[in-house]
């Protein structure tokens, strides 16, 4: 198991800076339903990456091959800036095939669009 099995970050492409303070929920797909594992707020470390390891100790046991969903509540971020957004939240669904690898799921965000990819 990787010491930090999952990280993420959100970059506001309009400002070129991290989008700090977005609530992010991690869920796991089990028995045909999404079960919430953890919830954090971006960002948690000096590299502006959201890390789950150490925040909630049972994530390591939870992080097994399966489908996962990160829900980024972007509405709170834009409301805090006094701006509107077309996407009040973003769900990113991905599949973990090997739990011993590190997975990084970044978001490039603007008020009217976003993109994601598997990072390193």
PDB file of N, CA and C in Angstrom:
ATOM      1  N   UNK A   1       0.845  -1.180   0.000  1.00  0.00           N
ATOM      2  CA  UNK A   1       0.000   0.000   0.000  1.00  0.00           C
ATOM      3  C   UNK A   1       0.882   1.232   0.000  1.00  0.00           C
ATOM      4  N   UNK A   2       0.570   2.162  -0.858  1.00  0.00           N
ATOM      5  CA  UNK A   2       1.293   3.430  -0.896  1.00  0.00           C
ATOM      6  C   UNK A   2       1.024   4.195   0.397  1.00  0.00           C
ATOM      7  N   UNK A   3       2.027   4.939   0.885  1.00  0.00           N
ATOM      8  CA  UNK A   3       1.833   5.676   2.138  1.00  0.00           C
ATOM      9  C   UNK A   3       0.778   6.779   1.979  1.00  0.00           C
ATOM     10  N   UNK A   4       0.664   7.364   0.814  1.00  0.00           N
ATOM     11  CA  UNK A   4      -0.392   8.324   0.494  1.00  0.00           C
ATOM     12  C   UNK A   4      -1.105   7.786  -0.742  1.00  0.00           C
ATOM     13  N   UNK A   5      -2.055   6.893  -0.572  1.00  0.00           N
ATOM     14  CA  UNK A   5      -2.628   6.213  -1.736  1.00  0.00           C
ATOM     15  C   UNK A   5      -3.413   7.108  -2.676  1.00  0.00           C
ATOM     16  N   UNK A   6      -3.951   8.230  -2.167  1.00  0.00           N
ATOM     17  CA  UNK A   6      -4.784   9.082  -3.001  1.00  0.00           C
ATOM     18  C   UNK A   6      -4.543  10.541  -2.651  1.00  0.00           C
ATOM     19  N   UNK A   7      -4.290  11.347  -3.682  1.00  0.00           N
ATOM     20  CA  UNK A   7      -4.177  12.788  -3.508  1.00  0.00           C
ATOM     21  C   UNK A   7      -4.973  13.469  -4.608  1.00  0.00           C
ATOM     22  N   UNK A   8      -5.234  14.736  -4.403  1.00  0.00           N
ATOM     23  CA  UNK A   8      -5.942  15.518  -5.397  1.00  0.00           C
ATOM     24  C   UNK A   8      -5.560  16.977  -5.206  1.00  0.00           C
ATOM     25  N   UNK A   9      -5.818  17.780  -6.201  1.00  0.00           N
ATOM     26  CA  UNK A   9      -5.716  19.222  -6.052  1.00  0.00           C
ATOM     27  C   UNK A   9      -6.657  19.868  -7.057  1.00  0.00           C
ATOM     28  N   UNK A  10      -7.014  21.108  -6.792  1.00  0.00           N
ATOM     29  CA  UNK A  10      -7.884  21.858  -7.687  1.00  0.00           C
ATOM     30  C   UNK A  10      -7.170  23.160  -8.022  1.00  0.00           C
ATOM     31  N   UNK A  11      -6.948  23.388  -9.297  1.00  0.00           N
ATOM     32  CA  UNK A  11      -6.324  24.624  -9.754  1.00  0.00           C
ATOM     33  C   UNK A  11      -7.387  25.485 -10.427  1.00  0.00           C
ATOM     34  N   UNK A  12      -7.554  26.702  -9.929  1.00  0.00           N
ATOM     35  CA  UNK A  12      -8.468  27.657 -10.540  1.00  0.00           C
ATOM     36  C   UNK A  12      -7.740  28.254 -11.744  1.00  0.00           C
ATOM     37  N   UNK A  13      -8.164  27.896 -12.943  1.00  0.00           N
ATOM     38  CA  UNK A  13      -7.450  28.331 -14.143  1.00  0.00           C
ATOM     39  C   UNK A  13      -7.628  29.830 -14.422  1.00  0.00           C
ATOM     40  N   UNK A  14      -8.637  30.451 -13.824  1.00  0.00           N
ATOM     41  CA  UNK A  14      -8.832  31.893 -14.008  1.00  0.00           C
ATOM     42  C   UNK A  14      -7.797  32.699 -13.219  1.00  0.00           C
ATOM     43  N   UNK A  15      -7.387  32.166 -12.063  1.00  0.00           N
ATOM     44  CA  UNK A  15      -6.422  32.873 -11.226  1.00  0.00           C
ATOM     45  C   UNK A  15      -5.027  32.277 -11.319  1.00  0.00           C
ATOM     46  N   UNK A  16      -4.946  31.016 -11.781  1.00  0.00           N
ATOM     47  CA  UNK A  16      -3.664  30.317 -11.826  1.00  0.00           C
ATOM     48  C   UNK A  16      -3.196  29.865 -10.454  1.00  0.00           C
ATOM     49  N   UNK A  17      -4.113  29.828  -9.485  1.00  0.00           N
ATOM     50  CA  UNK A  17      -3.777  29.460  -8.110  1.00  0.00           C
ATOM     51  C   UNK A  17      -4.664  28.321  -7.632  1.00  0.00           C
ATOM     52  N   UNK A  18      -4.237  27.625  -6.575  1.00  0.00           N
ATOM     53  CA  UNK A  18      -5.085  26.570  -6.013  1.00  0.00           C
ATOM     54  C   UNK A  18      -6.423  27.125  -5.539  1.00  0.00           C
ATOM     55  N   UNK A  19      -7.466  26.364  -5.750  1.00  0.00           N
ATOM     56  CA  UNK A  19      -8.804  26.721  -5.275  1.00  0.00           C
ATOM     57  C   UNK A  19      -8.942  26.177  -3.854  1.00  0.00           C
ATOM     58  N   UNK A  20      -8.626  27.005  -2.891  1.00  0.00           N
ATOM     59  CA  UNK A  20      -8.577  26.595  -1.491  1.00  0.00           C
ATOM     60  C   UNK A  20      -9.971  26.603  -0.878  1.00  0.00           C
ATOM     61  N   UNK A  21     -10.262  25.587  -0.064  1.00  0.00           N
ATOM     62  CA  UNK A  21     -11.490  25.559   0.715  1.00  0.00           C
ATOM     63  C   UNK A  21     -12.642  24.805   0.094  1.00  0.00           C
ATOM     64  N   UNK A  22     -12.417  24.064  -0.975  1.00  0.00           N
ATOM     65  CA  UNK A  22     -13.496  23.286  -1.589  1.00  0.00           C
ATOM     66  C   UNK A  22     -13.718  22.009  -0.781  1.00  0.00           C
ATOM     67  N   UNK A  23     -14.934  21.775  -0.287  1.00  0.00           N
ATOM     68  CA  UNK A  23     -15.209  20.499   0.368  1.00  0.00           C
ATOM     69  C   UNK A  23     -15.124  19.358  -0.663  1.00  0.00           C
ATOM     70  N   UNK A  24     -14.446  18.282  -0.269  1.00  0.00           N
ATOM     71  CA  UNK A  24     -14.260  17.129  -1.162  1.00  0.00           C
ATOM     72  C   UNK A  24     -14.628  15.873  -0.387  1.00  0.00           C
ATOM     73  N   UNK A  25     -15.475  15.059  -0.991  1.00  0.00           N
ATOM     74  CA  UNK A  25     -15.904  13.808  -0.379  1.00  0.00           C
ATOM     75  C   UNK A  25     -15.381  12.640  -1.207  1.00  0.00           C
ATOM     76  N   UNK A  26     -14.845  11.640  -0.525  1.00  0.00           N
ATOM     77  CA  UNK A  26     -14.413  10.401  -1.161  1.00  0.00           C
ATOM     78  C   UNK A  26     -15.429   9.320  -0.839  1.00  0.00           C
ATOM     79  N   UNK A  27     -15.945   8.661  -1.891  1.00  0.00           N
ATOM     80  CA  UNK A  27     -16.914   7.576  -1.722  1.00  0.00           C
ATOM     81  C   UNK A  27     -16.429   6.347  -2.465  1.00  0.00           C
ATOM     82  N   UNK A  28     -16.882   5.190  -1.998  1.00  0.00           N
ATOM     83  CA  UNK A  28     -16.515   3.902  -2.602  1.00  0.00           C
ATOM     84  C   UNK A  28     -17.802   3.212  -3.052  1.00  0.00           C
ATOM     85  N   UNK A  29     -17.761   2.579  -4.230  1.00  0.00           N
ATOM     86  CA  UNK A  29     -18.931   1.884  -4.771  1.00  0.00           C
ATOM     87  C   UNK A  29     -18.937   0.452  -4.251  1.00  0.00           C
ATOM     88  N   UNK A  30     -19.952   0.136  -3.445  1.00  0.00           N
ATOM     89  CA  UNK A  30     -20.087  -1.197  -2.863  1.00  0.00           C
ATOM     90  C   UNK A  30     -21.546  -1.613  -2.870  1.00  0.00           C
ATOM     91  N   UNK A  31     -21.791  -2.832  -3.272  1.00  0.00           N
ATOM     92  CA  UNK A  31     -23.159  -3.375  -3.268  1.00  0.00           C
ATOM     93  C   UNK A  31     -24.129  -2.452  -3.987  1.00  0.00           C
ATOM     94  N   UNK A  32     -23.699  -1.923  -5.136  1.00  0.00           N
ATOM     95  CA  UNK A  32     -24.516  -1.069  -5.992  1.00  0.00           C
ATOM     96  C   UNK A  32     -24.893   0.282  -5.386  1.00  0.00           C
ATOM     97  N   UNK A  33     -24.172   0.732  -4.357  1.00  0.00           N
ATOM     98  CA  UNK A  33     -24.406   2.056  -3.790  1.00  0.00           C
ATOM     99  C   UNK A  33     -23.065   2.726  -3.477  1.00  0.00           C
ATOM    100  N   UNK A  34     -23.080   4.071  -3.436  1.00  0.00           N
ATOM    101  CA  UNK A  34     -21.905   4.841  -3.050  1.00  0.00           C
ATOM    102  C   UNK A  34     -21.921   5.009  -1.540  1.00  0.00           C
ATOM    103  N   UNK A  35     -20.813   4.651  -0.897  1.00  0.00           N
ATOM    104  CA  UNK A  35     -20.665   4.796   0.555  1.00  0.00           C
ATOM    105  C   UNK A  35     -19.554   5.809   0.838  1.00  0.00           C
ATOM    106  N   UNK A  36     -19.887   6.861   1.581  1.00  0.00           N
ATOM    107  CA  UNK A  36     -18.896   7.888   1.904  1.00  0.00           C
ATOM    108  C   UNK A  36     -17.833   7.312   2.831  1.00  0.00           C
ATOM    109  N   UNK A  37     -16.574   7.538   2.459  1.00  0.00           N
ATOM    110  CA  UNK A  37     -15.439   7.086   3.273  1.00  0.00           C
ATOM    111  C   UNK A  37     -14.852   8.246   4.060  1.00  0.00           C
ATOM    112  N   UNK A  38     -14.714   9.393   3.401  1.00  0.00           N
ATOM    113  CA  UNK A  38     -13.993  10.493   4.018  1.00  0.00           C
ATOM    114  C   UNK A  38     -14.434  11.820   3.413  1.00  0.00           C
ATOM    115  N   UNK A  39     -14.194  12.891   4.159  1.00  0.00           N
ATOM    116  CA  UNK A  39     -14.504  14.236   3.663  1.00  0.00           C
ATOM    117  C   UNK A  39     -13.408  15.178   4.148  1.00  0.00           C
ATOM    118  N   UNK A  40     -12.909  16.003   3.253  1.00  0.00           N
ATOM    119  CA  UNK A  40     -11.860  16.962   3.579  1.00  0.00           C
ATOM    120  C   UNK A  40     -12.139  18.273   2.864  1.00  0.00           C
ATOM    121  N   UNK A  41     -11.314  19.245   3.159  1.00  0.00           N
ATOM    122  CA  UNK A  41     -11.377  20.532   2.465  1.00  0.00           C
ATOM    123  C   UNK A  41     -10.019  20.774   1.812  1.00  0.00           C
ATOM    124  N   UNK A  42     -10.032  21.165   0.555  1.00  0.00           N
ATOM    125  CA  UNK A  42      -8.783  21.448  -0.146  1.00  0.00           C
ATOM    126  C   UNK A  42      -8.238  22.752   0.409  1.00  0.00           C
ATOM    127  N   UNK A  43      -7.070  22.863   0.804  1.00  0.00           N
ATOM    128  CA  UNK A  43      -5.913  21.988   0.689  1.00  0.00           C
ATOM    129  C   UNK A  43      -5.327  21.706   2.060  1.00  0.00           C
ATOM    130  N   UNK A  44      -4.634  20.614   2.163  1.00  0.00           N
ATOM    131  CA  UNK A  44      -4.199  20.154   3.466  1.00  0.00           C
ATOM    132  C   UNK A  44      -2.686  20.150   3.661  1.00  0.00           C
ATOM    133  N   UNK A  45      -1.874  20.329   2.636  1.00  0.00           N
ATOM    134  CA  UNK A  45      -0.435  20.285   2.840  1.00  0.00           C
ATOM    135  C   UNK A  45       0.273  21.399   2.077  1.00  0.00           C
ATOM    136  N   UNK A  46       1.570  21.495   2.278  1.00  0.00           N
ATOM    137  CA  UNK A  46       2.330  22.596   1.689  1.00  0.00           C
ATOM    138  C   UNK A  46       2.473  22.475   0.178  1.00  0.00           C
ATOM    139  N   UNK A  47       2.244  21.295  -0.373  1.00  0.00           N
ATOM    140  CA  UNK A  47       2.300  21.112  -1.828  1.00  0.00           C
ATOM    141  C   UNK A  47       0.931  21.377  -2.459  1.00  0.00           C
ATOM    142  N   UNK A  48      -0.020  21.902  -1.672  1.00  0.00           N
ATOM    143  CA  UNK A  48      -1.384  22.166  -2.142  1.00  0.00           C
ATOM    144  C   UNK A  48      -2.078  20.915  -2.652  1.00  0.00           C
ATOM    145  N   UNK A  49      -1.797  19.806  -2.021  1.00  0.00           N
ATOM    146  CA  UNK A  49      -2.466  18.557  -2.382  1.00  0.00           C
ATOM    147  C   UNK A  49      -3.319  18.085  -1.215  1.00  0.00           C
ATOM    148  N   UNK A  50      -4.455  17.564  -1.558  1.00  0.00           N
ATOM    149  CA  UNK A  50      -5.381  16.993  -0.596  1.00  0.00           C
ATOM    150  C   UNK A  50      -4.960  15.547  -0.374  1.00  0.00           C
ATOM    151  N   UNK A  51      -4.644  15.173   0.838  1.00  0.00           N
ATOM    152  CA  UNK A  51      -4.187  13.814   1.144  1.00  0.00           C
ATOM    153  C   UNK A  51      -5.156  13.171   2.128  1.00  0.00           C
ATOM    154  N   UNK A  52      -5.415  11.906   1.949  1.00  0.00           N
ATOM    155  CA  UNK A  52      -6.302  11.208   2.872  1.00  0.00           C
ATOM    156  C   UNK A  52      -5.539  10.448   3.944  1.00  0.00           C
ATOM    157  N   UNK A  53      -4.385   9.904   3.637  1.00  0.00           N
ATOM    158  CA  UNK A  53      -3.647   9.125   4.623  1.00  0.00           C
ATOM    159  C   UNK A  53      -3.328   9.978   5.834  1.00  0.00           C
ATOM    160  N   UNK A  54      -3.582   9.462   7.012  1.00  0.00           N
ATOM    161  CA  UNK A  54      -3.283  10.183   8.237  1.00  0.00           C
ATOM    162  C   UNK A  54      -4.454  11.006   8.739  1.00  0.00           C
ATOM    163  N   UNK A  55      -5.365  11.393   7.856  1.00  0.00           N
ATOM    164  CA  UNK A  55      -6.511  12.169   8.295  1.00  0.00           C
ATOM    165  C   UNK A  55      -7.563  11.266   8.914  1.00  0.00           C
ATOM    166  N   UNK A  56      -7.777  10.156   8.263  1.00  0.00           N
ATOM    167  CA  UNK A  56      -8.702   9.167   8.788  1.00  0.00           C
ATOM    168  C   UNK A  56      -8.018   7.816   8.626  1.00  0.00           C
ATOM    169  N   UNK A  57      -7.627   7.215   9.710  1.00  0.00           N
ATOM    170  CA  UNK A  57      -6.749   6.046   9.664  1.00  0.00           C
ATOM    171  C   UNK A  57      -7.330   4.867   8.898  1.00  0.00           C
ATOM    172  N   UNK A  58      -8.645   4.739   8.834  1.00  0.00           N
ATOM    173  CA  UNK A  58      -9.201   3.565   8.166  1.00  0.00           C
ATOM    174  C   UNK A  58      -9.233   3.672   6.647  1.00  0.00           C
ATOM    175  N   UNK A  59      -8.786   4.785   6.073  1.00  0.00           N
ATOM    176  CA  UNK A  59      -8.791   4.857   4.612  1.00  0.00           C
ATOM    177  C   UNK A  59      -7.857   3.826   4.000  1.00  0.00           C
ATOM    178  N   UNK A  60      -6.754   3.519   4.670  1.00  0.00           N
ATOM    179  CA  UNK A  60      -5.802   2.552   4.120  1.00  0.00           C
ATOM    180  C   UNK A  60      -6.503   1.202   3.965  1.00  0.00           C
ATOM    181  N   UNK A  61      -7.249   0.779   4.967  1.00  0.00           N
ATOM    182  CA  UNK A  61      -7.977  -0.486   4.873  1.00  0.00           C
ATOM    183  C   UNK A  61      -9.096  -0.411   3.830  1.00  0.00           C
ATOM    184  N   UNK A  62      -9.681   0.774   3.675  1.00  0.00           N
ATOM    185  CA  UNK A  62     -10.778   0.968   2.721  1.00  0.00           C
ATOM    186  C   UNK A  62     -10.282   1.003   1.279  1.00  0.00           C
ATOM    187  N   UNK A  63      -9.041   1.381   1.077  1.00  0.00           N
ATOM    188  CA  UNK A  63      -8.524   1.629  -0.262  1.00  0.00           C
ATOM    189  C   UNK A  63      -8.088   0.327  -0.916  1.00  0.00           C
ATOM    190  N   UNK A  64      -9.054  -0.374  -1.463  1.00  0.00           N
ATOM    191  CA  UNK A  64      -8.838  -1.654  -2.138  1.00  0.00           C
ATOM    192  C   UNK A  64      -9.333  -1.523  -3.576  1.00  0.00           C
ATOM    193  N   UNK A  65      -8.968  -2.447  -4.457  1.00  0.00           N
ATOM    194  CA  UNK A  65      -9.467  -2.344  -5.835  1.00  0.00           C
ATOM    195  C   UNK A  65     -10.992  -2.222  -5.870  1.00  0.00           C
ATOM    196  N   UNK A  66     -11.458  -1.151  -6.485  1.00  0.00           N
ATOM    197  CA  UNK A  66     -12.891  -0.862  -6.557  1.00  0.00           C
ATOM    198  C   UNK A  66     -13.091   0.405  -7.376  1.00  0.00           C
ATOM    199  N   UNK A  67     -14.347   0.838  -7.491  1.00  0.00           N
ATOM    200  CA  UNK A  67     -14.676   2.135  -8.090  1.00  0.00           C
ATOM    201  C   UNK A  67     -14.806   3.148  -6.959  1.00  0.00           C
ATOM    202  N   UNK A  68     -14.311   4.368  -7.224  1.00  0.00           N
ATOM    203  CA  UNK A  68     -14.345   5.453  -6.241  1.00  0.00           C
ATOM    204  C   UNK A  68     -14.898   6.705  -6.890  1.00  0.00           C
ATOM    205  N   UNK A  69     -15.370   7.612  -6.039  1.00  0.00           N
ATOM    206  CA  UNK A  69     -15.885   8.888  -6.534  1.00  0.00           C
ATOM    207  C   UNK A  69     -15.374   9.996  -5.621  1.00  0.00           C
ATOM    208  N   UNK A  70     -14.818  11.023  -6.252  1.00  0.00           N
ATOM    209  CA  UNK A  70     -14.482  12.248  -5.551  1.00  0.00           C
ATOM    210  C   UNK A  70     -15.533  13.283  -5.934  1.00  0.00           C
ATOM    211  N   UNK A  71     -16.178  13.866  -4.958  1.00  0.00           N
ATOM    212  CA  UNK A  71     -17.163  14.924  -5.193  1.00  0.00           C
ATOM    213  C   UNK A  71     -16.575  16.236  -4.694  1.00  0.00           C
ATOM    214  N   UNK A  72     -16.364  17.153  -5.627  1.00  0.00           N
ATOM    215  CA  UNK A  72     -15.817  18.473  -5.336  1.00  0.00           C
ATOM    216  C   UNK A  72     -16.993  19.450  -5.290  1.00  0.00           C
ATOM    217  N   UNK A  73     -17.264  20.062  -4.140  1.00  0.00           N
ATOM    218  CA  UNK A  73     -18.387  20.982  -3.977  1.00  0.00           C
ATOM    219  C   UNK A  73     -17.927  22.394  -4.351  1.00  0.00           C
ATOM    220  N   UNK A  74     -17.911  22.660  -5.632  1.00  0.00           N
ATOM    221  CA  UNK A  74     -17.350  23.905  -6.155  1.00  0.00           C
ATOM    222  C   UNK A  74     -18.233  25.126  -5.890  1.00  0.00           C
ATOM    223  N   UNK A  75     -19.515  24.928  -5.656  1.00  0.00           N
ATOM    224  CA  UNK A  75     -20.409  26.057  -5.394  1.00  0.00           C
ATOM    225  C   UNK A  75     -19.928  26.865  -4.189  1.00  0.00           C
ATOM    226  N   UNK A  76     -19.502  26.190  -3.135  1.00  0.00           N
ATOM    227  CA  UNK A  76     -19.025  26.884  -1.933  1.00  0.00           C
ATOM    228  C   UNK A  76     -17.826  27.776  -2.257  1.00  0.00           C
ATOM    229  N   UNK A  77     -16.936  27.292  -3.110  1.00  0.00           N
ATOM    230  CA  UNK A  77     -15.758  28.069  -3.499  1.00  0.00           C
ATOM    231  C   UNK A  77     -16.170  29.338  -4.241  1.00  0.00           C
ATOM    232  N   UNK A  78     -17.049  29.197  -5.218  1.00  0.00           N
ATOM    233  CA  UNK A  78     -17.459  30.364  -6.013  1.00  0.00           C
ATOM    234  C   UNK A  78     -18.334  31.331  -5.219  1.00  0.00           C
ATOM    235  N   UNK A  79     -19.205  30.812  -4.380  1.00  0.00           N
ATOM    236  CA  UNK A  79     -20.003  31.705  -3.531  1.00  0.00           C
ATOM    237  C   UNK A  79     -19.095  32.522  -2.620  1.00  0.00           C
ATOM    238  N   UNK A  80     -18.048  31.906  -2.102  1.00  0.00           N
ATOM    239  CA  UNK A  80     -17.093  32.605  -1.252  1.00  0.00           C
ATOM    240  C   UNK A  80     -16.345  33.705  -1.986  1.00  0.00           C
ATOM    241  N   UNK A  81     -16.255  33.603  -3.300  1.00  0.00           N
ATOM    242  CA  UNK A  81     -15.598  34.616  -4.124  1.00  0.00           C
ATOM    243  C   UNK A  81     -16.602  35.625  -4.692  1.00  0.00           C
ATOM    244  N   UNK A  82     -17.903  35.412  -4.391  1.00  0.00           N
ATOM    245  CA  UNK A  82     -18.925  36.302  -4.921  1.00  0.00           C
ATOM    246  C   UNK A  82     -19.154  36.107  -6.405  1.00  0.00           C
ATOM    247  N   UNK A  83     -18.904  34.895  -6.892  1.00  0.00           N
ATOM    248  CA  UNK A  83     -19.047  34.581  -8.311  1.00  0.00           C
ATOM    249  C   UNK A  83     -20.073  33.475  -8.511  1.00  0.00           C
ATOM    250  N   UNK A  84     -20.530  33.343  -9.745  1.00  0.00           N
ATOM    251  CA  UNK A  84     -21.445  32.264 -10.109  1.00  0.00           C
ATOM    252  C   UNK A  84     -20.656  31.163 -10.809  1.00  0.00           C
ATOM    253  N   UNK A  85     -21.223  29.966 -10.778  1.00  0.00           N
ATOM    254  CA  UNK A  85     -20.633  28.840 -11.488  1.00  0.00           C
ATOM    255  C   UNK A  85     -21.734  28.004 -12.114  1.00  0.00           C
ATOM    256  N   UNK A  86     -21.425  27.386 -13.221  1.00  0.00           N
ATOM    257  CA  UNK A  86     -22.365  26.502 -13.893  1.00  0.00           C
ATOM    258  C   UNK A  86     -22.371  25.117 -13.244  1.00  0.00           C
ATOM    259  N   UNK A  87     -21.269  24.750 -12.595  1.00  0.00           N
ATOM    260  CA  UNK A  87     -21.122  23.426 -11.976  1.00  0.00           C
ATOM    261  C   UNK A  87     -21.076  23.555 -10.454  1.00  0.00           C
ATOM    262  N   UNK A  88     -22.199  23.324  -9.764  1.00  0.00           N
ATOM    263  CA  UNK A  88     -22.207  23.446  -8.304  1.00  0.00           C
ATOM    264  C   UNK A  88     -21.370  22.353  -7.625  1.00  0.00           C
ATOM    265  N   UNK A  89     -21.201  21.241  -8.293  1.00  0.00           N
ATOM    266  CA  UNK A  89     -20.299  20.201  -7.806  1.00  0.00           C
ATOM    267  C   UNK A  89     -19.796  19.405  -9.008  1.00  0.00           C
ATOM    268  N   UNK A  90     -18.689  18.716  -8.775  1.00  0.00           N
ATOM    269  CA  UNK A  90     -18.085  17.888  -9.817  1.00  0.00           C
ATOM    270  C   UNK A  90     -17.868  16.504  -9.229  1.00  0.00           C
ATOM    271  N   UNK A  91     -18.410  15.485  -9.882  1.00  0.00           N
ATOM    272  CA  UNK A  91     -18.147  14.103  -9.504  1.00  0.00           C
ATOM    273  C   UNK A  91     -17.116  13.527 -10.464  1.00  0.00           C
ATOM    274  N   UNK A  92     -16.048  12.981  -9.909  1.00  0.00           N
ATOM    275  CA  UNK A  92     -15.036  12.303 -10.708  1.00  0.00           C
ATOM    276  C   UNK A  92     -15.027  10.851 -10.250  1.00  0.00           C
ATOM    277  N   UNK A  93     -15.420   9.971 -11.150  1.00  0.00           N
ATOM    278  CA  UNK A  93     -15.484   8.545 -10.841  1.00  0.00           C
ATOM    279  C   UNK A  93     -14.297   7.864 -11.516  1.00  0.00           C
ATOM    280  N   UNK A  94     -13.592   7.042 -10.754  1.00  0.00           N
ATOM    281  CA  UNK A  94     -12.411   6.357 -11.268  1.00  0.00           C
ATOM    282  C   UNK A  94     -12.322   4.969 -10.644  1.00  0.00           C
ATOM    283  N   UNK A  95     -11.501   4.125 -11.237  1.00  0.00           N
ATOM    284  CA  UNK A  95     -11.369   2.758 -10.767  1.00  0.00           C
ATOM    285  C   UNK A  95      -9.937   2.484 -10.355  1.00  0.00           C
ATOM    286  N   UNK A  96      -9.775   1.905  -9.167  1.00  0.00           N
ATOM    287  CA  UNK A  96      -8.483   1.493  -8.647  1.00  0.00           C
ATOM    288  C   UNK A  96      -8.335   0.008  -8.929  1.00  0.00           C
ATOM    289  N   UNK A  97      -7.294  -0.323  -9.652  1.00  0.00           N
ATOM    290  CA  UNK A  97      -7.046  -1.737  -9.948  1.00  0.00           C
ATOM    291  C   UNK A  97      -5.967  -2.329  -9.050  1.00  0.00           C
ATOM    292  N   UNK A  98      -5.027  -1.475  -8.623  1.00  0.00           N
ATOM    293  CA  UNK A  98      -3.916  -1.940  -7.780  1.00  0.00           C
ATOM    294  C   UNK A  98      -3.789  -1.003  -6.594  1.00  0.00           C
ATOM    295  N   UNK A  99      -4.168  -1.462  -5.428  1.00  0.00           N
ATOM    296  CA  UNK A  99      -4.192  -0.588  -4.252  1.00  0.00           C
ATOM    297  C   UNK A  99      -2.802  -0.202  -3.762  1.00  0.00           C
ATOM    298  N   UNK A 100      -1.744  -0.871  -4.236  1.00  0.00           N
ATOM    299  CA  UNK A 100      -0.402  -0.511  -3.793  1.00  0.00           C
ATOM    300  C   UNK A 100       0.183   0.669  -4.562  1.00  0.00           C
ATOM    301  N   UNK A 101      -0.513   1.163  -5.577  1.00  0.00           N
ATOM    302  CA  UNK A 101      -0.053   2.317  -6.334  1.00  0.00           C
ATOM    303  C   UNK A 101      -0.569   3.615  -5.704  1.00  0.00           C
ATOM    304  N   UNK A 102       0.063   4.720  -6.094  1.00  0.00           N
ATOM    305  CA  UNK A 102      -0.407   6.047  -5.707  1.00  0.00           C
ATOM    306  C   UNK A 102      -1.292   6.588  -6.830  1.00  0.00           C
ATOM    307  N   UNK A 103      -2.415   7.210  -6.469  1.00  0.00           N
ATOM    308  CA  UNK A 103      -3.333   7.796  -7.441  1.00  0.00           C
ATOM    309  C   UNK A 103      -3.491   9.279  -7.137  1.00  0.00           C
ATOM    310  N   UNK A 104      -3.348  10.099  -8.182  1.00  0.00           N
ATOM    311  CA  UNK A 104      -3.527  11.540  -8.040  1.00  0.00           C
ATOM    312  C   UNK A 104      -4.593  11.973  -9.040  1.00  0.00           C
ATOM    313  N   UNK A 105      -5.642  12.633  -8.549  1.00  0.00           N
ATOM    314  CA  UNK A 105      -6.781  13.019  -9.371  1.00  0.00           C
ATOM    315  C   UNK A 105      -6.957  14.540  -9.285  1.00  0.00           C
ATOM    316  N   UNK A 106      -6.319  15.285 -10.185  1.00  0.00           N
ATOM    317  CA  UNK A 106      -6.429  16.747 -10.155  1.00  0.00           C
ATOM    318  C   UNK A 106      -7.623  17.272 -10.944  1.00  0.00           C
ATOM    319  N   UNK A 107      -8.018  18.486 -10.598  1.00  0.00           N
ATOM    320  CA  UNK A 107      -9.083  19.194 -11.311  1.00  0.00           C
ATOM    321  C   UNK A 107      -8.521  20.537 -11.780  1.00  0.00           C
ATOM    322  N   UNK A 108      -8.738  20.859 -13.042  1.00  0.00           N
ATOM    323  CA  UNK A 108      -8.491  22.200 -13.572  1.00  0.00           C
ATOM    324  C   UNK A 108      -9.872  22.831 -13.680  1.00  0.00           C
ATOM    325  N   UNK A 109     -10.085  23.921 -12.953  1.00  0.00           N
ATOM    326  CA  UNK A 109     -11.424  24.461 -12.740  1.00  0.00           C
ATOM    327  C   UNK A 109     -11.562  25.885 -13.251  1.00  0.00           C
ATOM    328  N   UNK A 110     -12.698  26.155 -13.877  1.00  0.00           N
ATOM    329  CA  UNK A 110     -13.131  27.525 -14.130  1.00  0.00           C
ATOM    330  C   UNK A 110     -14.628  27.555 -13.821  1.00  0.00           C
ATOM    331  N   UNK A 111     -15.217  28.735 -13.813  1.00  0.00           N
ATOM    332  CA  UNK A 111     -16.626  28.849 -13.438  1.00  0.00           C
ATOM    333  C   UNK A 111     -17.557  28.119 -14.404  1.00  0.00           C
ATOM    334  N   UNK A 112     -17.117  27.948 -15.639  1.00  0.00           N
ATOM    335  CA  UNK A 112     -17.992  27.340 -16.645  1.00  0.00           C
ATOM    336  C   UNK A 112     -17.375  26.137 -17.342  1.00  0.00           C
ATOM    337  N   UNK A 113     -16.386  25.518 -16.701  1.00  0.00           N
ATOM    338  CA  UNK A 113     -15.800  24.317 -17.256  1.00  0.00           C
ATOM    339  C   UNK A 113     -14.789  23.719 -16.305  1.00  0.00           C
ATOM    340  N   UNK A 114     -14.438  22.471 -16.554  1.00  0.00           N
ATOM    341  CA  UNK A 114     -13.417  21.796 -15.758  1.00  0.00           C
ATOM    342  C   UNK A 114     -12.866  20.634 -16.570  1.00  0.00           C
ATOM    343  N   UNK A 115     -11.691  20.183 -16.172  1.00  0.00           N
ATOM    344  CA  UNK A 115     -11.115  18.972 -16.745  1.00  0.00           C
ATOM    345  C   UNK A 115     -10.373  18.229 -15.643  1.00  0.00           C
ATOM    346  N   UNK A 116     -10.152  16.952 -15.877  1.00  0.00           N
ATOM    347  CA  UNK A 116      -9.461  16.110 -14.925  1.00  0.00           C
ATOM    348  C   UNK A 116      -8.642  15.082 -15.683  1.00  0.00           C
ATOM    349  N   UNK A 117      -7.712  14.465 -14.993  1.00  0.00           N
ATOM    350  CA  UNK A 117      -6.854  13.447 -15.599  1.00  0.00           C
ATOM    351  C   UNK A 117      -6.199  12.679 -14.455  1.00  0.00           C
ATOM    352  N   UNK A 118      -5.574  11.546 -14.786  1.00  0.00           N
ATOM    353  CA  UNK A 118      -4.810  10.842 -13.773  1.00  0.00           C
ATOM    354  C   UNK A 118      -3.423  11.455 -13.737  1.00  0.00           C
ATOM    355  N   UNK A 119      -3.101  12.075 -12.632  1.00  0.00           N
ATOM    356  CA  UNK A 119      -1.810  12.716 -12.472  1.00  0.00           C
ATOM    357  C   UNK A 119      -0.808  11.787 -11.812  1.00  0.00           C
ATOM    358  N   UNK A 120       0.286  12.359 -11.402  1.00  0.00           N
ATOM    359  CA  UNK A 120       1.329  11.557 -10.757  1.00  0.00           C
ATOM    360  C   UNK A 120       1.655  12.112  -9.388  1.00  0.00           C
TER     361      UNK A 120
END
